[in-house]
Amino acid sequence: MKRTPFRRAPISIEFTAGDSADGSLEGLWVLLRRINIGHLREIVALADATREGTSGEVIQLADKVGECLVDWNWCDTRTGEPVEATAPGAINTLDADVLMILTDRWQGALEGVPKDLGKESGPLPGSGASTTSPAPIPVTGTPGLSSALANLPTHSEYLASSGSTPDTR
């Protein structure tokens, strides 16, 4: 019996007002390809380096995220015009902070971390803490994932060692 090849659907990320400090990302929708562990490892390392102030990695991070971009409703912040997701360099129209928020949300989705994890939790009974809504908790991935993946080969290393060619889907 011939089996039909299985391919998982891309990840859809929808932003709400709570996804950015000023609420300006509300309504943004992005569709990104799922990636293998090798690609995830590279993206986690680049995102971590970018957060630590290594500015050269933000360009590499944008390129990696851009390779996986399928569709979105982003408009260029300078011109106000819609940007076709598949256009060369489309990812470069994002502001750096939006790139980091998008990367965190995508990484969380890839790792299975719910976007709103912890948002509904309230104070412990009898703690005397306020009962107002808690501040949104930013999703930055699973703690320790970078170190857990440190010994795995990168996607490029894997391809080189196996004699395979890159996946261009």
C-alpha atoms as a PDB file:
ATOM      1  CA  MET A   1       0.000   0.000   0.000  1.00  0.00           C
ATOM      2  CA  LYS A   2       1.354   3.383  -1.009  1.00  0.00           C
ATOM      3  CA  ARG A   3       1.188   5.923   1.774  1.00  0.00           C
ATOM      4  CA  THR A   4       0.537   9.599   1.315  1.00  0.00           C
ATOM      5  CA  PRO A   5       3.455  11.770   2.493  1.00  0.00           C
ATOM      6  CA  PHE A   6       2.636  13.566   5.719  1.00  0.00           C
ATOM      7  CA  ARG A   7       3.403  17.228   6.142  1.00  0.00           C
ATOM      8  CA  ARG A   8       2.375  19.218   9.197  1.00  0.00           C
ATOM      9  CA  ALA A   9       0.575  22.489   8.695  1.00  0.00           C
ATOM     10  CA  PRO A  10       2.470  25.768   9.209  1.00  0.00           C
ATOM     11  CA  ILE A  11       2.152  27.612  12.515  1.00  0.00           C
ATOM     12  CA  SER A  12      -0.299  30.498  12.596  1.00  0.00           C
ATOM     13  CA  ILE A  13       0.507  33.282  15.057  1.00  0.00           C
ATOM     14  CA  GLU A  14      -2.118  35.930  15.769  1.00  0.00           C
ATOM     15  CA  PHE A  15      -1.120  38.917  17.851  1.00  0.00           C
ATOM     16  CA  THR A  16      -3.280  40.694  20.408  1.00  0.00           C
ATOM     17  CA  ALA A  17      -2.854  44.024  22.206  1.00  0.00           C
ATOM     18  CA  GLY A  18      -1.003  42.256  25.040  1.00  0.00           C
ATOM     19  CA  ASP A  19       1.767  41.005  22.766  1.00  0.00           C
ATOM     20  CA  SER A  20       3.622  44.311  22.779  1.00  0.00           C
ATOM     21  CA  ALA A  21       4.095  46.956  25.448  1.00  0.00           C
ATOM     22  CA  ASP A  22       2.152  49.562  23.465  1.00  0.00           C
ATOM     23  CA  GLY A  23      -0.460  47.226  21.948  1.00  0.00           C
ATOM     24  CA  SER A  24       0.643  48.113  18.425  1.00  0.00           C
ATOM     25  CA  LEU A  25       0.829  44.500  17.205  1.00  0.00           C
ATOM     26  CA  GLU A  26      -2.872  43.820  17.673  1.00  0.00           C
ATOM     27  CA  GLY A  27      -4.239  42.300  14.469  1.00  0.00           C
ATOM     28  CA  LEU A  28      -0.881  41.148  13.069  1.00  0.00           C
ATOM     29  CA  TRP A  29      -1.078  37.618  11.693  1.00  0.00           C
ATOM     30  CA  VAL A  30       1.939  35.560  10.618  1.00  0.00           C
ATOM     31  CA  LEU A  31       2.155  32.065   9.140  1.00  0.00           C
ATOM     32  CA  LEU A  32       5.511  30.302   9.537  1.00  0.00           C
ATOM     33  CA  ARG A  33       6.779  26.893   8.449  1.00  0.00           C
ATOM     34  CA  ARG A  34       7.512  24.319  11.102  1.00  0.00           C
ATOM     35  CA  ILE A  35      11.210  23.587  11.375  1.00  0.00           C
ATOM     36  CA  ASN A  36      13.377  20.689  12.454  1.00  0.00           C
ATOM     37  CA  ILE A  37      15.466  20.609  15.624  1.00  0.00           C
ATOM     38  CA  GLY A  38      18.610  21.687  13.750  1.00  0.00           C
ATOM     39  CA  HIS A  39      16.959  24.875  12.502  1.00  0.00           C
ATOM     40  CA  LEU A  40      15.357  25.477  15.908  1.00  0.00           C
ATOM     41  CA  ARG A  41      18.757  25.164  17.560  1.00  0.00           C
ATOM     42  CA  GLU A  42      20.216  27.801  15.220  1.00  0.00           C
ATOM     43  CA  ILE A  43      17.302  30.185  15.776  1.00  0.00           C
ATOM     44  CA  VAL A  44      17.415  29.786  19.570  1.00  0.00           C
ATOM     45  CA  ALA A  45      21.172  30.505  19.590  1.00  0.00           C
ATOM     46  CA  LEU A  46      20.781  33.562  17.352  1.00  0.00           C
ATOM     47  CA  ALA A  47      17.842  34.907  19.386  1.00  0.00           C
ATOM     48  CA  ASP A  48      19.771  34.403  22.638  1.00  0.00           C
ATOM     49  CA  ALA A  49      22.833  36.183  21.200  1.00  0.00           C
ATOM     50  CA  THR A  50      20.638  39.049  19.968  1.00  0.00           C
ATOM     51  CA  ARG A  51      19.090  39.461  23.439  1.00  0.00           C
ATOM     52  CA  GLU A  52      22.585  39.520  24.956  1.00  0.00           C
ATOM     53  CA  GLY A  53      23.506  42.481  22.772  1.00  0.00           C
ATOM     54  CA  THR A  54      25.367  40.794  19.920  1.00  0.00           C
ATOM     55  CA  SER A  55      23.957  42.919  17.107  1.00  0.00           C
ATOM     56  CA  GLY A  56      25.468  40.965  14.208  1.00  0.00           C
ATOM     57  CA  GLU A  57      23.216  38.027  14.985  1.00  0.00           C
ATOM     58  CA  VAL A  58      20.000  39.998  14.429  1.00  0.00           C
ATOM     59  CA  ILE A  59      20.694  39.976  10.670  1.00  0.00           C
ATOM     60  CA  GLN A  60      21.263  36.223  10.666  1.00  0.00           C
ATOM     61  CA  LEU A  61      18.162  35.738  12.818  1.00  0.00           C
ATOM     62  CA  ALA A  62      16.069  37.783  10.381  1.00  0.00           C
ATOM     63  CA  ASP A  63      17.375  35.686   7.486  1.00  0.00           C
ATOM     64  CA  LYS A  64      16.525  32.404   9.277  1.00  0.00           C
ATOM     65  CA  VAL A  65      13.023  33.571  10.218  1.00  0.00           C
ATOM     66  CA  GLY A  66      12.526  34.991   6.716  1.00  0.00           C
ATOM     67  CA  GLU A  67      13.310  31.588   5.173  1.00  0.00           C
ATOM     68  CA  CYS A  68      10.309  30.150   7.044  1.00  0.00           C
ATOM     69  CA  LEU A  69       7.829  32.949   6.382  1.00  0.00           C
ATOM     70  CA  VAL A  70       4.778  31.672   4.491  1.00  0.00           C
ATOM     71  CA  ASP A  71       2.245  34.508   4.755  1.00  0.00           C
ATOM     72  CA  TRP A  72       1.339  37.557   6.855  1.00  0.00           C
ATOM     73  CA  ASN A  73      -0.622  40.806   6.868  1.00  0.00           C
ATOM     74  CA  TRP A  74       2.356  43.085   7.665  1.00  0.00           C
ATOM     75  CA  CYS A  75       2.601  46.599   6.216  1.00  0.00           C
ATOM     76  CA  ASP A  76       5.910  48.417   5.816  1.00  0.00           C
ATOM     77  CA  THR A  77       6.252  50.887   8.697  1.00  0.00           C
ATOM     78  CA  ARG A  78       7.807  53.515   6.407  1.00  0.00           C
ATOM     79  CA  THR A  79       5.412  53.351   3.469  1.00  0.00           C
ATOM     80  CA  GLY A  80       2.278  51.836   5.011  1.00  0.00           C
ATOM     81  CA  GLU A  81       2.047  49.492   2.022  1.00  0.00           C
ATOM     82  CA  PRO A  82       1.371  45.739   2.450  1.00  0.00           C
ATOM     83  CA  VAL A  83       4.509  43.620   2.139  1.00  0.00           C
ATOM     84  CA  GLU A  84       4.220  40.321   0.266  1.00  0.00           C
ATOM     85  CA  ALA A  85       5.564  37.641   2.643  1.00  0.00           C
ATOM     86  CA  THR A  86       7.351  35.771  -0.126  1.00  0.00           C
ATOM     87  CA  ALA A  87       9.061  38.855  -1.575  1.00  0.00           C
ATOM     88  CA  PRO A  88      12.867  38.803  -1.309  1.00  0.00           C
ATOM     89  CA  GLY A  89      13.917  40.573   1.873  1.00  0.00           C
ATOM     90  CA  ALA A  90      10.338  40.890   3.158  1.00  0.00           C
ATOM     91  CA  ILE A  91      11.448  40.055   6.704  1.00  0.00           C
ATOM     92  CA  ASN A  92      13.732  43.111   6.621  1.00  0.00           C
ATOM     93  CA  THR A  93      10.694  45.410   6.737  1.00  0.00           C
ATOM     94  CA  LEU A  94      10.031  44.353  10.354  1.00  0.00           C
ATOM     95  CA  ASP A  95      11.197  46.538  13.201  1.00  0.00           C
ATOM     96  CA  ALA A  96      13.854  44.791  15.335  1.00  0.00           C
ATOM     97  CA  ASP A  97      11.571  44.576  18.378  1.00  0.00           C
ATOM     98  CA  VAL A  98       8.793  43.018  16.286  1.00  0.00           C
ATOM     99  CA  LEU A  99      11.275  40.443  14.947  1.00  0.00           C
ATOM    100  CA  MET A 100      12.195  39.458  18.498  1.00  0.00           C
ATOM    101  CA  ILE A 101       8.558  39.222  19.646  1.00  0.00           C
ATOM    102  CA  LEU A 102       7.687  37.162  16.557  1.00  0.00           C
ATOM    103  CA  THR A 103      10.694  34.890  17.126  1.00  0.00           C
ATOM    104  CA  ASP A 104       9.718  34.341  20.770  1.00  0.00           C
ATOM    105  CA  ARG A 105       6.114  33.520  19.846  1.00  0.00           C
ATOM    106  CA  TRP A 106       7.199  31.160  17.038  1.00  0.00           C
ATOM    107  CA  GLN A 107       9.777  29.464  19.257  1.00  0.00           C
ATOM    108  CA  GLY A 108       7.129  29.001  21.957  1.00  0.00           C
ATOM    109  CA  ALA A 109       4.713  27.488  19.430  1.00  0.00           C
ATOM    110  CA  LEU A 110       7.391  25.125  18.116  1.00  0.00           C
ATOM    111  CA  GLU A 111       8.233  24.026  21.644  1.00  0.00           C
ATOM    112  CA  GLY A 112       4.575  23.619  22.580  1.00  0.00           C
ATOM    113  CA  VAL A 113       4.413  26.533  25.058  1.00  0.00           C
ATOM    114  CA  PRO A 114       0.913  28.072  25.019  1.00  0.00           C
ATOM    115  CA  LYS A 115       0.913  31.791  24.160  1.00  0.00           C
ATOM    116  CA  ASP A 116      -1.135  32.723  27.198  1.00  0.00           C
ATOM    117  CA  LEU A 117       0.571  30.435  29.718  1.00  0.00           C
ATOM    118  CA  GLY A 118       0.287  32.078  33.128  1.00  0.00           C
ATOM    119  CA  LYS A 119      -1.976  34.934  32.044  1.00  0.00           C
ATOM    120  CA  GLU A 120      -5.036  33.592  33.853  1.00  0.00           C
ATOM    121  CA  SER A 121      -3.322  32.668  37.089  1.00  0.00           C
ATOM    122  CA  GLY A 122      -4.222  34.873  39.996  1.00  0.00           C
ATOM    123  CA  PRO A 123      -2.859  35.404  43.493  1.00  0.00           C
ATOM    124  CA  LEU A 124      -2.848  32.596  45.997  1.00  0.00           C
ATOM    125  CA  PRO A 125      -5.826  32.732  48.373  1.00  0.00           C
ATOM    126  CA  GLY A 126      -4.911  34.545  51.564  1.00  0.00           C
ATOM    127  CA  SER A 127      -1.709  35.988  50.074  1.00  0.00           C
ATOM    128  CA  GLY A 128      -3.002  39.565  50.253  1.00  0.00           C
ATOM    129  CA  ALA A 129      -1.952  40.084  46.634  1.00  0.00           C
ATOM    130  CA  SER A 130      -4.057  42.165  44.294  1.00  0.00           C
ATOM    131  CA  THR A 131      -6.853  40.469  42.362  1.00  0.00           C
ATOM    132  CA  THR A 132      -6.413  42.676  39.301  1.00  0.00           C
ATOM    133  CA  SER A 133      -5.406  41.056  36.028  1.00  0.00           C
ATOM    134  CA  PRO A 134      -1.763  40.025  35.999  1.00  0.00           C
ATOM    135  CA  ALA A 135       0.647  41.582  33.533  1.00  0.00           C
ATOM    136  CA  PRO A 136       1.210  39.467  30.405  1.00  0.00           C
ATOM    137  CA  ILE A 137       4.078  37.042  30.741  1.00  0.00           C
ATOM    138  CA  PRO A 138       6.344  37.145  27.691  1.00  0.00           C
ATOM    139  CA  VAL A 139       6.958  33.739  26.125  1.00  0.00           C
ATOM    140  CA  THR A 140      10.673  33.340  25.521  1.00  0.00           C
ATOM    141  CA  GLY A 141      10.785  29.616  25.006  1.00  0.00           C
ATOM    142  CA  THR A 142      11.605  26.793  27.300  1.00  0.00           C
ATOM    143  CA  PRO A 143      14.320  27.597  29.858  1.00  0.00           C
ATOM    144  CA  GLY A 144      17.380  25.493  29.250  1.00  0.00           C
ATOM    145  CA  LEU A 145      16.465  24.554  25.686  1.00  0.00           C
ATOM    146  CA  SER A 146      19.603  26.205  24.334  1.00  0.00           C
ATOM    147  CA  SER A 147      21.819  24.091  26.573  1.00  0.00           C
ATOM    148  CA  ALA A 148      19.780  20.938  25.906  1.00  0.00           C
ATOM    149  CA  LEU A 149      20.266  21.362  22.166  1.00  0.00           C
ATOM    150  CA  ALA A 150      23.907  22.425  22.407  1.00  0.00           C
ATOM    151  CA  ASN A 151      25.304  19.002  21.499  1.00  0.00           C
ATOM    152  CA  LEU A 152      23.064  18.456  18.495  1.00  0.00           C
ATOM    153  CA  PRO A 153      24.503  19.300  15.079  1.00  0.00           C
ATOM    154  CA  THR A 154      23.171  22.361  13.298  1.00  0.00           C
ATOM    155  CA  HIS A 155      21.009  21.786  10.247  1.00  0.00           C
ATOM    156  CA  SER A 156      23.957  22.683   8.005  1.00  0.00           C
ATOM    157  CA  GLU A 157      26.283  20.289   9.863  1.00  0.00           C
ATOM    158  CA  TYR A 158      23.725  17.496   9.590  1.00  0.00           C
ATOM    159  CA  LEU A 159      23.285  18.023   5.855  1.00  0.00           C
ATOM    160  CA  ALA A 160      27.057  18.080   5.323  1.00  0.00           C
ATOM    161  CA  SER A 161      27.580  14.853   7.298  1.00  0.00           C
ATOM    162  CA  SER A 162      24.705  13.001   5.618  1.00  0.00           C
ATOM    163  CA  GLY A 163      25.406  14.148   2.075  1.00  0.00           C
ATOM    164  CA  SER A 164      21.851  15.518   1.817  1.00  0.00           C
ATOM    165  CA  THR A 165      20.803  18.726   0.142  1.00  0.00           C
ATOM    166  CA  PRO A 166      18.883  21.544   1.872  1.00  0.00           C
ATOM    167  CA  ASP A 167      15.109  21.363   2.069  1.00  0.00           C
ATOM    168  CA  THR A 168      13.857  24.121  -0.227  1.00  0.00           C
ATOM    169  CA  ARG A 169      10.138  23.656   0.400  1.00  0.00           C
END
